[in-house]
């Protein structure tokens, strides 16, 4: 019976490790989906960001915006920013917002 418990524990640990390995972090998602407009540092200084008139993340309005506001803007779109509801999962959007907060410091 002990061997079966060890085998089950190894299987569970392997599966959870695989899931974690495949999960994108907020930084990876930002790089793949956001950086082309918002720039590596959140300054919105890219050609696309300038054309879309993206607001830098250091803007006082974005610094004081709640996480819920940023999640809603990313999920539903705002201004010229498209909605990402069908492109990112809710956890990915939450992770991106957490990463954006690191760019504001």
C-alpha atoms as a PDB file:
ATOM      1  CA  UNK A   1       0.000   0.000   0.000  1.00  0.00           C
ATOM      2  CA  UNK A   2       2.891   2.385   0.750  1.00  0.00           C
ATOM      3  CA  UNK A   3       4.206   2.038  -2.792  1.00  0.00           C
ATOM      4  CA  UNK A   4       0.856   3.086  -4.209  1.00  0.00           C
ATOM      5  CA  UNK A   5       0.753   6.204  -2.045  1.00  0.00           C
ATOM      6  CA  UNK A   6       4.256   7.174  -3.154  1.00  0.00           C
ATOM      7  CA  UNK A   7       3.354   6.580  -6.808  1.00  0.00           C
ATOM      8  CA  UNK A   8       0.175   8.639  -6.418  1.00  0.00           C
ATOM      9  CA  UNK A   9       2.090  11.461  -4.725  1.00  0.00           C
ATOM     10  CA  UNK A  10       4.720  11.485  -7.488  1.00  0.00           C
ATOM     11  CA  UNK A  11       2.003  11.551 -10.157  1.00  0.00           C
ATOM     12  CA  UNK A  12       0.224  14.465  -8.468  1.00  0.00           C
ATOM     13  CA  UNK A  13       3.463  16.413  -7.990  1.00  0.00           C
ATOM     14  CA  UNK A  14       4.458  15.814 -11.615  1.00  0.00           C
ATOM     15  CA  UNK A  15       1.086  16.998 -12.907  1.00  0.00           C
ATOM     16  CA  UNK A  16       1.099  20.162 -10.796  1.00  0.00           C
ATOM     17  CA  UNK A  17       4.683  20.900 -11.862  1.00  0.00           C
ATOM     18  CA  UNK A  18       3.699  20.562 -15.509  1.00  0.00           C
ATOM     19  CA  UNK A  19       0.756  22.903 -15.078  1.00  0.00           C
ATOM     20  CA  UNK A  20       2.926  25.478 -13.324  1.00  0.00           C
ATOM     21  CA  UNK A  21       5.597  25.183 -16.002  1.00  0.00           C
ATOM     22  CA  UNK A  22       3.086  25.943 -18.729  1.00  0.00           C
ATOM     23  CA  UNK A  23       1.349  28.817 -16.956  1.00  0.00           C
ATOM     24  CA  UNK A  24       2.383  32.247 -18.197  1.00  0.00           C
ATOM     25  CA  UNK A  25       3.382  34.803 -15.656  1.00  0.00           C
ATOM     26  CA  UNK A  26       2.090  38.351 -15.776  1.00  0.00           C
ATOM     27  CA  UNK A  27       5.426  39.487 -17.215  1.00  0.00           C
ATOM     28  CA  UNK A  28       5.309  36.886 -19.996  1.00  0.00           C
ATOM     29  CA  UNK A  29       1.724  37.782 -20.884  1.00  0.00           C
ATOM     30  CA  UNK A  30       2.607  41.486 -20.822  1.00  0.00           C
ATOM     31  CA  UNK A  31       5.517  40.860 -23.187  1.00  0.00           C
ATOM     32  CA  UNK A  32       3.334  38.857 -25.572  1.00  0.00           C
ATOM     33  CA  UNK A  33       0.173  40.977 -25.538  1.00  0.00           C
ATOM     34  CA  UNK A  34       0.821  44.453 -24.123  1.00  0.00           C
ATOM     35  CA  UNK A  35       4.390  45.530 -24.754  1.00  0.00           C
ATOM     36  CA  UNK A  36       3.878  46.378 -28.434  1.00  0.00           C
ATOM     37  CA  UNK A  37       1.791  49.398 -27.414  1.00  0.00           C
ATOM     38  CA  UNK A  38       2.715  50.028 -23.780  1.00  0.00           C
ATOM     39  CA  UNK A  39       6.528  49.518 -24.176  1.00  0.00           C
ATOM     40  CA  UNK A  40       8.813  47.400 -22.048  1.00  0.00           C
ATOM     41  CA  UNK A  41       8.722  49.987 -19.232  1.00  0.00           C
ATOM     42  CA  UNK A  42       5.037  50.961 -19.472  1.00  0.00           C
ATOM     43  CA  UNK A  43       5.862  54.374 -20.959  1.00  0.00           C
ATOM     44  CA  UNK A  44       3.657  53.860 -24.052  1.00  0.00           C
ATOM     45  CA  UNK A  45       6.555  55.202 -26.096  1.00  0.00           C
ATOM     46  CA  UNK A  46       6.335  52.650 -28.915  1.00  0.00           C
ATOM     47  CA  UNK A  47       5.154  53.700 -32.384  1.00  0.00           C
ATOM     48  CA  UNK A  48       1.912  51.775 -31.806  1.00  0.00           C
ATOM     49  CA  UNK A  49       1.471  53.315 -28.355  1.00  0.00           C
ATOM     50  CA  UNK A  50       1.987  56.806 -29.746  1.00  0.00           C
ATOM     51  CA  UNK A  51      -0.433  56.157 -32.630  1.00  0.00           C
ATOM     52  CA  UNK A  52      -3.066  54.826 -30.228  1.00  0.00           C
ATOM     53  CA  UNK A  53      -2.344  57.601 -27.702  1.00  0.00           C
ATOM     54  CA  UNK A  54      -1.810  55.000 -24.988  1.00  0.00           C
ATOM     55  CA  UNK A  55      -1.470  56.447 -21.513  1.00  0.00           C
ATOM     56  CA  UNK A  56       1.806  55.735 -19.679  1.00  0.00           C
ATOM     57  CA  UNK A  57       1.371  53.547 -16.603  1.00  0.00           C
ATOM     58  CA  UNK A  58       3.124  56.270 -14.578  1.00  0.00           C
ATOM     59  CA  UNK A  59       0.202  58.607 -15.276  1.00  0.00           C
ATOM     60  CA  UNK A  60      -1.343  59.728 -11.965  1.00  0.00           C
ATOM     61  CA  UNK A  61      -4.774  58.574 -13.159  1.00  0.00           C
ATOM     62  CA  UNK A  62      -3.496  55.050 -13.805  1.00  0.00           C
ATOM     63  CA  UNK A  63      -1.440  54.953 -10.609  1.00  0.00           C
ATOM     64  CA  UNK A  64      -4.503  55.794  -8.521  1.00  0.00           C
ATOM     65  CA  UNK A  65      -6.860  53.539 -10.525  1.00  0.00           C
ATOM     66  CA  UNK A  66      -7.928  50.440  -8.641  1.00  0.00           C
ATOM     67  CA  UNK A  67      -6.916  46.980  -9.770  1.00  0.00           C
ATOM     68  CA  UNK A  68     -10.601  46.374 -10.557  1.00  0.00           C
ATOM     69  CA  UNK A  69     -10.574  49.409 -12.888  1.00  0.00           C
ATOM     70  CA  UNK A  70      -7.455  48.164 -14.700  1.00  0.00           C
ATOM     71  CA  UNK A  71      -8.877  44.644 -14.938  1.00  0.00           C
ATOM     72  CA  UNK A  72     -12.131  46.035 -16.375  1.00  0.00           C
ATOM     73  CA  UNK A  73     -10.267  48.195 -18.923  1.00  0.00           C
ATOM     74  CA  UNK A  74      -8.179  45.227 -20.023  1.00  0.00           C
ATOM     75  CA  UNK A  75     -11.120  42.835 -20.116  1.00  0.00           C
ATOM     76  CA  UNK A  76     -13.633  45.128 -21.841  1.00  0.00           C
ATOM     77  CA  UNK A  77     -11.360  47.577 -23.624  1.00  0.00           C
ATOM     78  CA  UNK A  78     -11.290  51.315 -23.102  1.00  0.00           C
ATOM     79  CA  UNK A  79     -10.836  54.105 -25.605  1.00  0.00           C
ATOM     80  CA  UNK A  80      -8.719  52.737 -28.444  1.00  0.00           C
ATOM     81  CA  UNK A  81      -7.549  49.761 -26.390  1.00  0.00           C
ATOM     82  CA  UNK A  82      -9.279  46.586 -27.556  1.00  0.00           C
ATOM     83  CA  UNK A  83     -11.019  44.162 -25.213  1.00  0.00           C
ATOM     84  CA  UNK A  84      -8.942  41.164 -24.206  1.00  0.00           C
ATOM     85  CA  UNK A  85     -11.837  39.133 -22.816  1.00  0.00           C
ATOM     86  CA  UNK A  86     -11.545  36.528 -25.579  1.00  0.00           C
ATOM     87  CA  UNK A  87      -7.732  36.664 -25.771  1.00  0.00           C
ATOM     88  CA  UNK A  88      -6.720  36.309 -22.110  1.00  0.00           C
ATOM     89  CA  UNK A  89      -8.188  34.428 -19.179  1.00  0.00           C
ATOM     90  CA  UNK A  90      -9.302  36.267 -16.042  1.00  0.00           C
ATOM     91  CA  UNK A  91      -6.243  34.961 -14.114  1.00  0.00           C
ATOM     92  CA  UNK A  92      -3.907  36.122 -16.909  1.00  0.00           C
ATOM     93  CA  UNK A  93      -5.452  39.608 -16.821  1.00  0.00           C
ATOM     94  CA  UNK A  94      -5.122  39.721 -13.027  1.00  0.00           C
ATOM     95  CA  UNK A  95      -1.460  38.684 -13.323  1.00  0.00           C
ATOM     96  CA  UNK A  96      -0.830  41.353 -15.988  1.00  0.00           C
ATOM     97  CA  UNK A  97      -2.333  44.028 -13.751  1.00  0.00           C
ATOM     98  CA  UNK A  98      -0.090  42.877 -10.899  1.00  0.00           C
ATOM     99  CA  UNK A  99       2.897  43.126 -13.249  1.00  0.00           C
ATOM    100  CA  UNK A 100       1.817  46.609 -14.393  1.00  0.00           C
ATOM    101  CA  UNK A 101       1.886  47.689 -10.740  1.00  0.00           C
ATOM    102  CA  UNK A 102       5.579  46.737 -10.635  1.00  0.00           C
ATOM    103  CA  UNK A 103       6.216  49.047 -13.588  1.00  0.00           C
ATOM    104  CA  UNK A 104       4.626  51.939 -11.712  1.00  0.00           C
ATOM    105  CA  UNK A 105       7.225  51.827  -8.918  1.00  0.00           C
END
